[in-house]
N, C-alpha and C. Protein backbone atom coordinates (compact mmCIF):
# COMPACT_ATOMS: atom_id res chain seq x y z
N MET A 1 1.01 -1.20 -0.01
CA MET A 1 -0.10 -0.24 0.17
C MET A 1 0.87 1.21 -0.05
N ILE A 2 0.49 2.25 -0.77
CA ILE A 2 1.21 3.46 -0.93
C ILE A 2 0.28 4.43 -0.49
N ILE A 3 0.74 5.31 0.48
CA ILE A 3 -0.14 6.68 1.11
C ILE A 3 0.76 7.90 0.75
N GLU A 4 0.12 8.81 0.00
CA GLU A 4 0.96 10.13 -0.30
C GLU A 4 -0.11 11.36 -0.29
N ARG A 5 0.66 12.27 0.13
CA ARG A 5 -0.40 13.62 0.15
C ARG A 5 0.20 14.61 -0.87
N ILE A 6 -0.81 14.83 -1.80
CA ILE A 6 -0.50 15.61 -3.00
C ILE A 6 -1.50 17.04 -2.83
N ASN A 7 -0.93 17.99 -2.56
CA ASN A 7 -1.78 19.15 -2.38
C ASN A 7 -2.57 19.07 -1.24
N ASN A 8 -4.12 19.07 -1.51
CA ASN A 8 -5.15 19.15 -0.18
C ASN A 8 -5.52 17.85 -0.25
N GLU A 9 -5.19 16.75 -0.84
CA GLU A 9 -5.59 15.31 -0.75
C GLU A 9 -4.58 14.50 -0.24
N VAL A 10 -5.14 13.12 0.17
CA VAL A 10 -4.33 12.04 0.70
C VAL A 10 -4.46 10.79 -0.51
N VAL A 11 -3.70 10.32 -1.27
CA VAL A 11 -3.96 9.48 -2.18
C VAL A 11 -3.61 8.25 -1.74
N VAL A 12 -4.28 7.06 -1.64
CA VAL A 12 -3.93 5.76 -1.11
C VAL A 12 -4.21 4.65 -2.24
N ARG A 13 -2.91 4.14 -2.53
CA ARG A 13 -2.88 3.17 -3.59
C ARG A 13 -2.90 1.60 -2.97
N ILE A 14 -3.96 0.86 -3.11
CA ILE A 14 -4.09 -0.56 -2.67
C ILE A 14 -3.94 -1.33 -3.75
N PRO A 15 -3.04 -2.66 -3.55
CA PRO A 15 -2.82 -3.79 -4.40
C PRO A 15 -4.31 -4.20 -4.89
N SER A 16 -4.15 -4.70 -6.21
CA SER A 16 -5.38 -5.33 -6.33
C SER A 16 -5.79 -6.64 -5.79
N PHE A 17 -4.92 -7.25 -5.10
CA PHE A 17 -5.38 -8.53 -4.61
C PHE A 17 -6.14 -8.18 -3.34
N VAL A 18 -6.24 -7.11 -2.78
CA VAL A 18 -7.27 -6.83 -1.69
C VAL A 18 -8.85 -7.01 -2.02
N ARG A 19 -9.21 -7.78 -1.50
CA ARG A 19 -10.81 -7.82 -1.76
C ARG A 19 -11.41 -6.57 -1.59
N PHE A 20 -12.22 -6.19 -2.97
CA PHE A 20 -12.98 -4.95 -3.08
C PHE A 20 -13.98 -4.87 -2.09
N ASP A 21 -14.80 -5.80 -1.24
CA ASP A 21 -15.74 -5.63 -0.23
C ASP A 21 -14.78 -5.09 0.81
N GLU A 22 -13.71 -5.27 1.23
CA GLU A 22 -13.09 -4.72 2.29
C GLU A 22 -12.52 -3.28 1.97
N ILE A 23 -12.24 -2.96 0.69
CA ILE A 23 -11.83 -1.87 0.26
C ILE A 23 -13.03 -0.61 0.24
N GLN A 24 -14.14 -1.34 0.01
CA GLN A 24 -15.43 -0.30 0.26
C GLN A 24 -15.95 -0.17 1.59
N ARG A 25 -15.51 -1.17 2.54
CA ARG A 25 -15.93 -0.71 4.09
C ARG A 25 -15.22 0.40 4.16
N MET A 26 -13.83 0.40 3.84
CA MET A 26 -12.82 1.51 4.34
C MET A 26 -13.48 2.56 3.74
N ILE A 27 -13.73 2.62 2.34
CA ILE A 27 -14.22 3.99 2.06
C ILE A 27 -15.36 4.64 2.41
N ASP A 28 -16.34 3.53 2.94
CA ASP A 28 -17.58 3.96 3.56
C ASP A 28 -17.23 4.69 5.17
N LEU A 29 -16.21 4.03 5.59
CA LEU A 29 -15.71 4.66 7.16
C LEU A 29 -15.18 6.10 6.65
N MET A 30 -14.42 6.33 5.63
CA MET A 30 -14.03 7.59 5.61
C MET A 30 -14.97 8.63 4.90
N CYS A 31 -15.80 8.18 4.07
CA CYS A 31 -17.13 9.17 3.73
C CYS A 31 -17.88 9.25 5.20
N TYR A 32 -18.01 8.51 5.76
CA TYR A 32 -18.72 8.96 7.36
C TYR A 32 -17.71 9.86 8.24
N LYS A 33 -16.64 9.59 8.08
CA LYS A 33 -15.55 10.60 8.93
C LYS A 33 -15.62 11.70 8.20
N GLU A 34 -15.54 11.72 7.16
CA GLU A 34 -15.68 13.36 6.34
C GLU A 34 -16.81 13.86 6.61
N ALA A 35 -17.99 13.24 6.44
CA ALA A 35 -19.47 13.71 6.92
C ALA A 35 -19.44 14.33 8.14
N VAL A 36 -19.16 13.84 9.12
CA VAL A 36 -19.24 14.42 10.52
C VAL A 36 -17.95 15.07 11.10
N ALA A 37 -17.08 15.23 10.46
CA ALA A 37 -15.95 15.90 10.86
C ALA A 37 -16.01 17.37 11.38
N ARG A 38 -17.01 18.01 10.69
CA ARG A 38 -17.26 19.40 11.14
C ARG A 38 -18.61 19.55 11.69
N SER A 39 -19.24 18.42 12.17
CA SER A 39 -20.69 18.59 12.65
C SER A 39 -20.41 19.10 14.21
N LYS A 40 -21.40 19.85 14.36
CA LYS A 40 -21.59 20.61 15.74
C LYS A 40 -22.59 19.61 16.61
N ALA A 41 -23.11 18.71 16.00
CA ALA A 41 -24.12 18.09 16.71
C ALA A 41 -23.59 17.21 17.95
N LYS A 42 -24.37 17.29 19.09
CA LYS A 42 -24.16 16.68 20.14
C LYS A 42 -24.69 15.30 20.20
N GLN A 43 -24.08 14.39 20.89
CA GLN A 43 -24.35 12.88 21.16
C GLN A 43 -25.87 12.69 21.32
N ALA A 44 -26.22 13.47 22.40
CA ALA A 44 -27.74 13.33 22.73
C ALA A 44 -28.57 13.64 21.31
N ASP A 45 -28.34 14.76 20.71
CA ASP A 45 -29.28 15.09 19.66
C ASP A 45 -29.15 13.90 18.71
N VAL A 46 -28.02 13.29 18.24
CA VAL A 46 -27.73 12.22 17.52
C VAL A 46 -28.68 10.89 17.93
N ASP A 47 -28.66 10.68 19.33
CA ASP A 47 -29.28 9.45 19.78
C ASP A 47 -30.78 9.82 19.80
N LYS A 48 -31.19 10.66 20.03
CA LYS A 48 -32.61 11.08 19.81
C LYS A 48 -33.29 10.80 18.38
N LEU A 49 -32.36 11.35 17.47
CA LEU A 49 -32.78 11.29 15.99
C LEU A 49 -32.78 9.93 15.77
N ALA A 50 -31.51 9.05 16.03
CA ALA A 50 -31.43 7.89 15.66
C ALA A 50 -32.86 6.81 16.28
N LYS A 51 -33.29 7.28 17.45
CA LYS A 51 -34.30 6.40 17.93
C LYS A 51 -35.68 6.92 17.49
N GLU A 52 -35.93 8.14 16.90
CA GLU A 52 -36.75 8.46 16.13
C GLU A 52 -36.97 8.11 14.70
N VAL A 53 -35.97 7.85 14.15
CA VAL A 53 -35.91 7.13 12.86
C VAL A 53 -36.17 5.83 12.95
N ASN A 54 -35.51 5.17 14.12
CA ASN A 54 -35.81 3.66 14.15
C ASN A 54 -37.19 3.06 14.58
N LYS A 55 -37.77 4.38 15.30
CA LYS A 55 -39.35 3.96 15.87
C LYS A 55 -40.23 3.95 14.29
N GLY A 56 -39.95 5.07 13.47
CA GLY A 56 -40.70 5.13 12.30
C GLY A 56 -40.48 4.01 11.49
N TRP A 57 -39.37 3.23 11.39
CA TRP A 57 -39.00 2.22 10.56
C TRP A 57 -39.72 1.09 10.99
N TRP A 58 -39.50 1.13 12.32
CA TRP A 58 -40.36 -0.07 12.75
C TRP A 58 -41.88 -0.15 12.68
N LYS A 59 -42.48 1.05 12.76
CA LYS A 59 -43.98 1.07 12.50
C LYS A 59 -44.25 0.72 10.98
N LYS A 60 -43.31 1.04 10.01
CA LYS A 60 -43.53 0.70 8.71
C LYS A 60 -43.35 -0.64 8.14
N ASN A 61 -42.52 -1.40 9.17
CA ASN A 61 -41.90 -2.76 8.81
C ASN A 61 -42.22 -3.67 9.67
N ARG A 62 -42.97 -3.41 10.72
CA ARG A 62 -43.38 -4.49 11.78
C ARG A 62 -44.12 -5.72 11.26
N GLU A 63 -45.18 -5.41 10.39
CA GLU A 63 -46.07 -6.42 9.78
C GLU A 63 -44.88 -7.52 9.01
N ARG A 64 -43.83 -7.16 8.62
CA ARG A 64 -43.11 -7.93 7.50
C ARG A 64 -42.32 -9.02 8.54
N PHE A 65 -42.17 -8.59 10.14
CA PHE A 65 -41.45 -9.29 10.84
C PHE A 65 -42.11 -10.20 11.58
N MET A 66 -43.46 -9.63 12.11
CA MET A 66 -44.10 -10.29 13.06
C MET A 66 -45.27 -10.99 12.37
N GLN A 67 -45.11 -11.97 11.65
CA GLN A 67 -46.07 -12.82 10.98
C GLN A 67 -46.32 -14.29 11.88
């Protein structure tokens, strides 16, 4: 693996024998890190939002699982 900084970017070169799904998981993590890097959200706010989203999802999908 080669990691280099070019201007305002970090370039990572990964050998082709590394499984693509593992590379995708790393990319997903980096996208998440980039998205939250400048967030001013408090953990309590995030937890509350997650709870609301999960509650709504469960209402919509409960019938699929409770047969």
